[in-house]
Amino acid sequence: MVEIMVGDISRLDLAVDGIVNAANAGLIPGGGVDGAINRAAGPELGKVMAQFGGTPTGTAVLTPGYQLNAKYVIHAVGPRYVDGEHGEEQKLVAAYEAVFALAHQYQLTSLAIPVLSSGIYRYPKKEAARVLLDVATRTENQDITVYIVVYEASWLSIFEELRS
């Protein structure tokens, strides 16, 4: 099941097994989704993220959820969008595949996930949403309840169009 919801992913009203963080390759707490998740989780999260020493674009790592309404945080690194001709889609697909691989490895049954790379990394919204839906709705991921959490209601029409 995939549900689209408007809200702040760092302050969910529902409990999930994992929250996906839109992380940077250095795994250094930043702004946007990453900053909100780090503030809500508490200082322990940034300390544990630093222990990894970073992770390449298209990969993900897992940490405890600390003060979030989730057992775990999966820190996924999506690509910076240049022009669509520099492997951006393959890297974005790889980032989502890494998220779901960790979810399966740790037997997570529910995920709250943002649309990676669609903020300061400037991935076109409709294309980023399509990639997320494509990976989240694969047969092998059907056993995971996915809450796609967007911050602005304008995303709803994008997902509605993609699902029709």
N, C-alpha and C. Protein backbone atom coordinates (compact mmCIF):
# COMPACT_ATOMS: atom_id res chain seq x y z
N MET A 1 0.84 -1.18 0.00
CA MET A 1 0.00 0.00 0.00
C MET A 1 0.89 1.25 0.00
N VAL A 2 0.54 2.19 -0.83
CA VAL A 2 1.24 3.47 -0.89
C VAL A 2 0.22 4.57 -0.65
N GLU A 3 0.47 5.39 0.36
CA GLU A 3 -0.41 6.51 0.69
C GLU A 3 0.38 7.80 0.61
N ILE A 4 -0.22 8.82 0.02
CA ILE A 4 0.43 10.13 -0.07
C ILE A 4 -0.18 11.01 1.01
N MET A 5 0.65 11.69 1.78
CA MET A 5 0.14 12.56 2.83
C MET A 5 0.95 13.85 2.91
N VAL A 6 0.26 14.93 3.26
CA VAL A 6 0.91 16.22 3.43
C VAL A 6 1.24 16.38 4.91
N GLY A 7 2.48 16.76 5.21
CA GLY A 7 2.84 16.97 6.60
C GLY A 7 4.34 17.12 6.76
N ASP A 8 4.75 17.14 8.00
CA ASP A 8 6.15 17.24 8.37
C ASP A 8 6.63 15.84 8.73
N ILE A 9 7.49 15.27 7.91
CA ILE A 9 7.93 13.89 8.10
C ILE A 9 8.61 13.69 9.46
N SER A 10 9.15 14.75 10.03
CA SER A 10 9.84 14.63 11.31
C SER A 10 8.89 14.65 12.51
N ARG A 11 7.62 14.95 12.26
CA ARG A 11 6.64 15.04 13.34
C ARG A 11 5.36 14.31 12.97
N LEU A 12 5.50 13.05 12.59
CA LEU A 12 4.36 12.25 12.16
C LEU A 12 3.44 11.92 13.33
N ASP A 13 2.14 11.88 13.04
CA ASP A 13 1.16 11.47 14.05
C ASP A 13 1.09 9.95 14.17
N LEU A 14 1.62 9.26 13.18
CA LEU A 14 1.57 7.81 13.21
C LEU A 14 2.98 7.26 13.41
N ALA A 15 3.03 6.10 14.04
CA ALA A 15 4.33 5.43 14.24
C ALA A 15 4.64 4.56 13.02
N VAL A 16 5.88 4.60 12.59
CA VAL A 16 6.34 3.77 11.48
C VAL A 16 7.63 3.06 11.89
N ASP A 17 7.95 2.02 11.17
CA ASP A 17 9.20 1.32 11.47
C ASP A 17 10.40 2.15 11.05
N GLY A 18 10.27 2.85 9.91
CA GLY A 18 11.39 3.64 9.43
C GLY A 18 10.97 4.95 8.80
N ILE A 19 11.77 5.97 9.03
CA ILE A 19 11.62 7.25 8.35
C ILE A 19 12.82 7.41 7.45
N VAL A 20 12.57 7.79 6.20
CA VAL A 20 13.66 7.99 5.26
C VAL A 20 14.08 9.45 5.30
N ASN A 21 15.37 9.65 5.45
CA ASN A 21 15.96 10.98 5.50
C ASN A 21 16.61 11.28 4.15
N ALA A 22 16.35 12.47 3.65
CA ALA A 22 17.01 12.95 2.42
C ALA A 22 18.37 13.50 2.82
N ALA A 23 19.35 12.61 2.88
CA ALA A 23 20.67 12.96 3.40
C ALA A 23 21.61 13.42 2.29
N ASN A 24 22.70 14.05 2.70
CA ASN A 24 23.77 14.39 1.75
C ASN A 24 24.85 13.32 1.86
N ALA A 25 25.72 13.28 0.87
CA ALA A 25 26.74 12.22 0.81
C ALA A 25 27.70 12.24 2.01
N GLY A 26 27.87 13.40 2.63
CA GLY A 26 28.73 13.48 3.80
C GLY A 26 28.04 13.02 5.08
N LEU A 27 26.73 12.78 5.00
CA LEU A 27 25.90 12.44 6.18
C LEU A 27 26.09 13.47 7.28
N ILE A 28 26.18 14.72 6.85
CA ILE A 28 26.31 15.84 7.77
C ILE A 28 24.95 16.51 7.86
N PRO A 29 24.37 16.63 9.08
CA PRO A 29 23.06 17.26 9.18
C PRO A 29 23.02 18.62 8.47
N GLY A 30 22.00 18.80 7.65
CA GLY A 30 21.88 20.03 6.87
C GLY A 30 20.53 20.68 7.05
N GLY A 31 19.95 21.15 5.96
CA GLY A 31 18.66 21.83 5.99
C GLY A 31 17.56 20.94 5.47
N GLY A 32 16.42 21.53 5.18
CA GLY A 32 15.29 20.81 4.61
C GLY A 32 14.85 19.64 5.45
N VAL A 33 14.51 18.54 4.77
CA VAL A 33 14.06 17.32 5.44
C VAL A 33 15.13 16.83 6.42
N ASP A 34 16.37 16.84 5.99
CA ASP A 34 17.49 16.37 6.82
C ASP A 34 17.58 17.17 8.12
N GLY A 35 17.50 18.48 8.01
CA GLY A 35 17.58 19.32 9.21
C GLY A 35 16.41 19.08 10.14
N ALA A 36 15.20 18.96 9.58
CA ALA A 36 14.02 18.72 10.40
C ALA A 36 14.11 17.39 11.13
N ILE A 37 14.55 16.35 10.43
CA ILE A 37 14.67 15.03 11.05
C ILE A 37 15.73 15.05 12.15
N ASN A 38 16.86 15.68 11.89
CA ASN A 38 17.91 15.74 12.91
C ASN A 38 17.47 16.54 14.14
N ARG A 39 16.78 17.63 13.94
CA ARG A 39 16.29 18.42 15.10
C ARG A 39 15.30 17.61 15.92
N ALA A 40 14.37 16.93 15.23
CA ALA A 40 13.35 16.17 15.95
C ALA A 40 13.92 14.93 16.63
N ALA A 41 14.92 14.30 16.04
CA ALA A 41 15.50 13.07 16.60
C ALA A 41 16.38 13.35 17.80
N GLY A 42 16.97 14.53 17.84
CA GLY A 42 17.89 14.86 18.92
C GLY A 42 19.34 14.73 18.47
N PRO A 43 20.27 15.22 19.28
CA PRO A 43 21.69 15.29 18.90
C PRO A 43 22.36 13.94 18.68
N GLU A 44 21.79 12.88 19.25
CA GLU A 44 22.39 11.56 19.08
C GLU A 44 22.43 11.15 17.61
N LEU A 45 21.41 11.55 16.85
CA LEU A 45 21.33 11.13 15.45
C LEU A 45 22.53 11.65 14.65
N GLY A 46 22.83 12.91 14.77
CA GLY A 46 23.96 13.49 14.04
C GLY A 46 25.27 12.83 14.42
N LYS A 47 25.42 12.47 15.70
CA LYS A 47 26.65 11.80 16.15
C LYS A 47 26.82 10.43 15.49
N VAL A 48 25.72 9.69 15.40
CA VAL A 48 25.78 8.36 14.79
C VAL A 48 26.00 8.48 13.28
N MET A 49 25.37 9.47 12.65
CA MET A 49 25.56 9.69 11.21
C MET A 49 27.03 9.95 10.91
N ALA A 50 27.68 10.74 11.76
CA ALA A 50 29.09 11.09 11.55
C ALA A 50 30.00 9.87 11.59
N GLN A 51 29.61 8.85 12.32
CA GLN A 51 30.45 7.65 12.44
C GLN A 51 30.59 6.89 11.11
N PHE A 52 29.66 7.10 10.19
CA PHE A 52 29.74 6.43 8.89
C PHE A 52 30.81 7.04 8.00
N GLY A 53 31.11 8.32 8.21
CA GLY A 53 32.07 9.00 7.35
C GLY A 53 31.53 9.29 5.96
N GLY A 54 30.21 9.25 5.81
CA GLY A 54 29.58 9.52 4.52
C GLY A 54 29.15 8.25 3.82
N THR A 55 28.40 8.43 2.74
CA THR A 55 27.95 7.33 1.89
C THR A 55 27.69 7.90 0.50
N PRO A 56 28.03 7.18 -0.55
CA PRO A 56 27.91 7.73 -1.90
C PRO A 56 26.47 7.98 -2.35
N THR A 57 26.32 8.84 -3.34
CA THR A 57 25.03 9.07 -3.97
C THR A 57 24.49 7.74 -4.49
N GLY A 58 23.20 7.52 -4.26
CA GLY A 58 22.58 6.28 -4.70
C GLY A 58 22.62 5.17 -3.67
N THR A 59 23.09 5.49 -2.46
CA THR A 59 23.15 4.49 -1.39
C THR A 59 22.34 4.98 -0.19
N ALA A 60 22.26 4.12 0.82
CA ALA A 60 21.54 4.46 2.05
C ALA A 60 22.17 3.72 3.23
N VAL A 61 22.05 4.31 4.41
CA VAL A 61 22.50 3.68 5.66
C VAL A 61 21.38 3.79 6.69
N LEU A 62 21.43 2.94 7.68
CA LEU A 62 20.38 2.89 8.71
C LEU A 62 20.93 3.25 10.08
N THR A 63 20.16 4.04 10.82
CA THR A 63 20.50 4.39 12.21
C THR A 63 19.25 4.23 13.07
N PRO A 64 19.41 4.26 14.39
CA PRO A 64 18.23 4.29 15.25
C PRO A 64 17.41 5.57 15.02
N GLY A 65 16.15 5.54 15.40
CA GLY A 65 15.26 6.68 15.23
C GLY A 65 15.30 7.68 16.38
N TYR A 66 15.88 7.30 17.50
CA TYR A 66 15.98 8.16 18.67
C TYR A 66 14.63 8.75 19.03
N GLN A 67 14.45 10.06 19.04
CA GLN A 67 13.22 10.67 19.52
C GLN A 67 12.13 10.81 18.44
N LEU A 68 12.36 10.24 17.27
CA LEU A 68 11.35 10.26 16.21
C LEU A 68 10.29 9.20 16.49
N ASN A 69 9.18 9.29 15.78
CA ASN A 69 8.11 8.31 15.93
C ASN A 69 8.38 7.13 14.99
N ALA A 70 9.62 6.63 15.04
CA ALA A 70 10.06 5.53 14.20
C ALA A 70 11.20 4.79 14.89
N LYS A 71 11.30 3.50 14.64
CA LYS A 71 12.41 2.72 15.20
C LYS A 71 13.73 3.10 14.56
N TYR A 72 13.69 3.35 13.24
CA TYR A 72 14.91 3.59 12.48
C TYR A 72 14.79 4.81 11.56
N VAL A 73 15.95 5.32 11.18
CA VAL A 73 16.03 6.31 10.12
C VAL A 73 16.91 5.70 9.03
N ILE A 74 16.42 5.74 7.81
CA ILE A 74 17.22 5.30 6.67
C ILE A 74 17.65 6.57 5.94
N HIS A 75 18.95 6.81 5.93
CA HIS A 75 19.52 8.02 5.32
C HIS A 75 19.88 7.70 3.88
N ALA A 76 19.11 8.23 2.94
CA ALA A 76 19.32 7.95 1.52
C ALA A 76 19.88 9.18 0.83
N VAL A 77 20.82 8.95 -0.07
CA VAL A 77 21.46 10.06 -0.78
C VAL A 77 21.03 10.03 -2.25
N GLY A 78 20.18 10.99 -2.59
CA GLY A 78 19.76 11.13 -3.98
C GLY A 78 20.72 12.04 -4.72
N PRO A 79 20.59 12.08 -6.05
CA PRO A 79 21.50 12.88 -6.86
C PRO A 79 21.10 14.34 -6.96
N ARG A 80 22.08 15.17 -7.23
CA ARG A 80 21.81 16.55 -7.65
C ARG A 80 21.41 16.49 -9.11
N TYR A 81 20.36 17.19 -9.47
CA TYR A 81 19.89 17.18 -10.85
C TYR A 81 20.67 18.21 -11.66
N VAL A 82 21.25 17.75 -12.77
CA VAL A 82 21.98 18.65 -13.66
C VAL A 82 21.09 18.95 -14.87
N ASP A 83 20.86 17.93 -15.69
CA ASP A 83 20.05 18.11 -16.90
C ASP A 83 19.38 16.81 -17.33
N GLY A 84 19.45 15.79 -16.50
CA GLY A 84 18.87 14.50 -16.83
C GLY A 84 19.76 13.65 -17.72
N GLU A 85 20.91 14.15 -18.07
CA GLU A 85 21.83 13.43 -18.97
C GLU A 85 23.10 12.96 -18.24
N HIS A 86 23.09 13.02 -16.92
CA HIS A 86 24.27 12.66 -16.13
C HIS A 86 23.99 11.50 -15.16
N GLY A 87 23.12 10.59 -15.57
CA GLY A 87 22.82 9.42 -14.75
C GLY A 87 21.95 9.71 -13.54
N GLU A 88 21.27 10.85 -13.55
CA GLU A 88 20.48 11.21 -12.37
C GLU A 88 19.38 10.20 -12.05
N GLU A 89 18.66 9.75 -13.09
CA GLU A 89 17.57 8.81 -12.81
C GLU A 89 18.10 7.49 -12.25
N GLN A 90 19.18 6.98 -12.81
CA GLN A 90 19.75 5.73 -12.30
C GLN A 90 20.19 5.88 -10.85
N LYS A 91 20.76 7.03 -10.51
CA LYS A 91 21.20 7.26 -9.12
C LYS A 91 20.01 7.40 -8.18
N LEU A 92 18.94 8.03 -8.65
CA LEU A 92 17.74 8.17 -7.81
C LEU A 92 17.08 6.81 -7.60
N VAL A 93 16.97 6.03 -8.66
CA VAL A 93 16.44 4.68 -8.54
C VAL A 93 17.29 3.88 -7.54
N ALA A 94 18.60 3.98 -7.68
CA ALA A 94 19.50 3.24 -6.78
C ALA A 94 19.30 3.65 -5.32
N ALA A 95 19.08 4.94 -5.07
CA ALA A 95 18.86 5.41 -3.70
C ALA A 95 17.59 4.79 -3.12
N TYR A 96 16.50 4.78 -3.90
CA TYR A 96 15.26 4.17 -3.41
C TYR A 96 15.41 2.66 -3.26
N GLU A 97 16.13 2.01 -4.19
CA GLU A 97 16.35 0.57 -4.06
C GLU A 97 17.15 0.27 -2.79
N ALA A 98 18.11 1.12 -2.46
CA ALA A 98 18.89 0.94 -1.23
C ALA A 98 18.00 1.07 0.00
N VAL A 99 17.06 2.02 -0.04
CA VAL A 99 16.11 2.20 1.07
C VAL A 99 15.31 0.91 1.27
N PHE A 100 14.74 0.40 0.19
CA PHE A 100 13.90 -0.79 0.33
C PHE A 100 14.72 -2.03 0.66
N ALA A 101 15.96 -2.11 0.21
CA ALA A 101 16.83 -3.23 0.58
C ALA A 101 17.06 -3.24 2.10
N LEU A 102 17.32 -2.06 2.67
CA LEU A 102 17.49 -1.98 4.13
C LEU A 102 16.19 -2.30 4.85
N ALA A 103 15.08 -1.82 4.31
CA ALA A 103 13.78 -2.11 4.93
C ALA A 103 13.54 -3.62 4.97
N HIS A 104 13.85 -4.31 3.88
CA HIS A 104 13.69 -5.78 3.87
C HIS A 104 14.70 -6.44 4.80
N GLN A 105 15.93 -5.98 4.80
CA GLN A 105 16.96 -6.58 5.65
C GLN A 105 16.59 -6.49 7.13
N TYR A 106 16.01 -5.36 7.53
CA TYR A 106 15.65 -5.15 8.94
C TYR A 106 14.18 -5.47 9.21
N GLN A 107 13.51 -6.07 8.24
CA GLN A 107 12.12 -6.52 8.37
C GLN A 107 11.17 -5.39 8.77
N LEU A 108 11.35 -4.23 8.15
CA LEU A 108 10.47 -3.10 8.40
C LEU A 108 9.19 -3.30 7.59
N THR A 109 8.06 -3.00 8.20
CA THR A 109 6.78 -3.17 7.50
C THR A 109 6.12 -1.84 7.15
N SER A 110 6.69 -0.73 7.62
CA SER A 110 6.13 0.58 7.28
C SER A 110 7.24 1.61 7.18
N LEU A 111 7.11 2.47 6.16
CA LEU A 111 8.11 3.52 5.91
C LEU A 111 7.41 4.84 5.64
N ALA A 112 7.96 5.91 6.18
CA ALA A 112 7.58 7.27 5.80
C ALA A 112 8.73 7.79 4.96
N ILE A 113 8.43 8.26 3.76
CA ILE A 113 9.49 8.59 2.83
C ILE A 113 9.19 9.90 2.09
N PRO A 114 10.17 10.79 2.01
CA PRO A 114 9.98 12.01 1.23
C PRO A 114 10.34 11.75 -0.24
N VAL A 115 10.09 12.72 -1.08
CA VAL A 115 10.50 12.63 -2.48
C VAL A 115 11.95 13.12 -2.54
N LEU A 116 12.87 12.19 -2.64
CA LEU A 116 14.30 12.52 -2.61
C LEU A 116 14.70 13.42 -3.78
N SER A 117 15.66 14.27 -3.53
CA SER A 117 16.31 15.13 -4.52
C SER A 117 15.42 16.22 -5.11
N SER A 118 14.18 16.36 -4.64
CA SER A 118 13.25 17.31 -5.25
C SER A 118 13.30 18.70 -4.64
N GLY A 119 14.12 18.89 -3.62
CA GLY A 119 14.26 20.21 -3.00
C GLY A 119 15.48 20.92 -3.54
N ILE A 120 16.47 21.12 -2.68
CA ILE A 120 17.66 21.87 -3.09
C ILE A 120 18.49 21.15 -4.16
N TYR A 121 18.24 19.83 -4.36
CA TYR A 121 18.96 19.11 -5.41
C TYR A 121 18.27 19.26 -6.76
N ARG A 122 17.14 19.93 -6.81
CA ARG A 122 16.43 20.43 -8.00
C ARG A 122 15.99 19.37 -9.00
N TYR A 123 15.74 18.16 -8.53
CA TYR A 123 15.19 17.14 -9.44
C TYR A 123 13.78 17.57 -9.79
N PRO A 124 13.38 17.51 -11.08
CA PRO A 124 12.00 17.89 -11.45
C PRO A 124 10.98 17.08 -10.66
N LYS A 125 10.00 17.77 -10.09
CA LYS A 125 9.07 17.14 -9.16
C LYS A 125 8.35 15.93 -9.74
N LYS A 126 7.79 16.07 -10.93
CA LYS A 126 7.01 14.97 -11.49
C LYS A 126 7.90 13.76 -11.76
N GLU A 127 9.10 13.99 -12.26
CA GLU A 127 10.02 12.88 -12.53
C GLU A 127 10.47 12.21 -11.23
N ALA A 128 10.75 13.01 -10.21
CA ALA A 128 11.16 12.45 -8.92
C ALA A 128 10.04 11.62 -8.30
N ALA A 129 8.82 12.13 -8.39
CA ALA A 129 7.65 11.41 -7.85
C ALA A 129 7.44 10.10 -8.60
N ARG A 130 7.59 10.12 -9.92
CA ARG A 130 7.41 8.92 -10.73
C ARG A 130 8.42 7.84 -10.32
N VAL A 131 9.67 8.22 -10.14
CA VAL A 131 10.70 7.26 -9.75
C VAL A 131 10.35 6.63 -8.39
N LEU A 132 9.94 7.45 -7.45
CA LEU A 132 9.57 6.94 -6.13
C LEU A 132 8.41 5.95 -6.24
N LEU A 133 7.36 6.33 -6.96
CA LEU A 133 6.21 5.43 -7.12
C LEU A 133 6.61 4.13 -7.81
N ASP A 134 7.45 4.24 -8.84
CA ASP A 134 7.88 3.04 -9.56
C ASP A 134 8.57 2.04 -8.63
N VAL A 135 9.45 2.52 -7.79
CA VAL A 135 10.17 1.61 -6.88
C VAL A 135 9.28 1.13 -5.74
N ALA A 136 8.51 2.04 -5.16
CA ALA A 136 7.67 1.69 -4.00
C ALA A 136 6.59 0.68 -4.35
N THR A 137 6.12 0.68 -5.61
CA THR A 137 5.02 -0.22 -5.98
C THR A 137 5.49 -1.51 -6.65
N ARG A 138 6.78 -1.75 -6.67
CA ARG A 138 7.28 -3.02 -7.21
C ARG A 138 6.73 -4.18 -6.40
N THR A 139 6.58 -5.32 -7.06
CA THR A 139 6.03 -6.51 -6.41
C THR A 139 6.80 -6.86 -5.14
N GLU A 140 8.12 -6.78 -5.18
CA GLU A 140 8.92 -7.16 -4.03
C GLU A 140 8.76 -6.22 -2.83
N ASN A 141 8.16 -5.05 -3.06
CA ASN A 141 7.97 -4.08 -1.97
C ASN A 141 6.52 -4.02 -1.48
N GLN A 142 5.67 -4.89 -1.97
CA GLN A 142 4.26 -4.85 -1.61
C GLN A 142 3.99 -5.13 -0.14
N ASP A 143 4.93 -5.77 0.54
CA ASP A 143 4.72 -6.09 1.96
C ASP A 143 5.08 -4.93 2.88
N ILE A 144 5.48 -3.80 2.31
CA ILE A 144 5.84 -2.62 3.10
C ILE A 144 4.80 -1.53 2.86
N THR A 145 4.20 -1.04 3.93
CA THR A 145 3.28 0.09 3.83
C THR A 145 4.12 1.35 3.70
N VAL A 146 3.88 2.10 2.63
CA VAL A 146 4.68 3.28 2.33
C VAL A 146 3.82 4.53 2.45
N TYR A 147 4.26 5.43 3.30
CA TYR A 147 3.63 6.74 3.43
C TYR A 147 4.57 7.74 2.78
N ILE A 148 4.18 8.24 1.62
CA ILE A 148 4.98 9.28 0.97
C ILE A 148 4.54 10.59 1.60
N VAL A 149 5.48 11.23 2.28
CA VAL A 149 5.16 12.45 3.04
C VAL A 149 5.73 13.65 2.30
N VAL A 150 4.82 14.54 1.89
CA VAL A 150 5.21 15.76 1.18
C VAL A 150 4.84 16.96 2.05
N TYR A 151 5.61 18.01 1.90
CA TYR A 151 5.42 19.18 2.75
C TYR A 151 4.39 20.16 2.19
N GLU A 152 4.17 20.10 0.88
CA GLU A 152 3.24 21.03 0.24
C GLU A 152 2.12 20.28 -0.45
N ALA A 153 0.89 20.80 -0.36
CA ALA A 153 -0.28 20.17 -0.97
C ALA A 153 -0.18 20.11 -2.49
N SER A 154 0.65 20.96 -3.10
CA SER A 154 0.80 20.95 -4.56
C SER A 154 1.29 19.60 -5.08
N TRP A 155 1.93 18.82 -4.24
CA TRP A 155 2.39 17.49 -4.63
C TRP A 155 1.23 16.53 -4.90
N LEU A 156 0.11 16.74 -4.25
CA LEU A 156 -1.01 15.80 -4.37
C LEU A 156 -1.47 15.64 -5.81
N SER A 157 -1.58 16.75 -6.54
CA SER A 157 -2.02 16.67 -7.93
C SER A 157 -0.97 15.96 -8.81
N ILE A 158 0.29 16.11 -8.48
CA ILE A 158 1.35 15.40 -9.22
C ILE A 158 1.19 13.90 -9.05
N PHE A 159 1.01 13.45 -7.82
CA PHE A 159 0.84 12.02 -7.58
C PHE A 159 -0.47 11.51 -8.15
N GLU A 160 -1.52 12.31 -8.06
CA GLU A 160 -2.81 11.92 -8.62
C GLU A 160 -2.69 11.68 -10.13
N GLU A 161 -2.01 12.57 -10.82
CA GLU A 161 -1.80 12.44 -12.26
C GLU A 161 -0.98 11.19 -12.58
N LEU A 162 0.06 10.92 -11.80
CA LEU A 162 0.90 9.76 -12.04
C LEU A 162 0.15 8.45 -11.80
N ARG A 163 -0.79 8.45 -10.89
CA ARG A 163 -1.52 7.24 -10.54
C ARG A 163 -2.71 6.99 -11.46
N SER A 164 -3.08 7.95 -12.27
CA SER A 164 -4.26 7.76 -13.13
C SER A 164 -3.92 7.13 -14.46
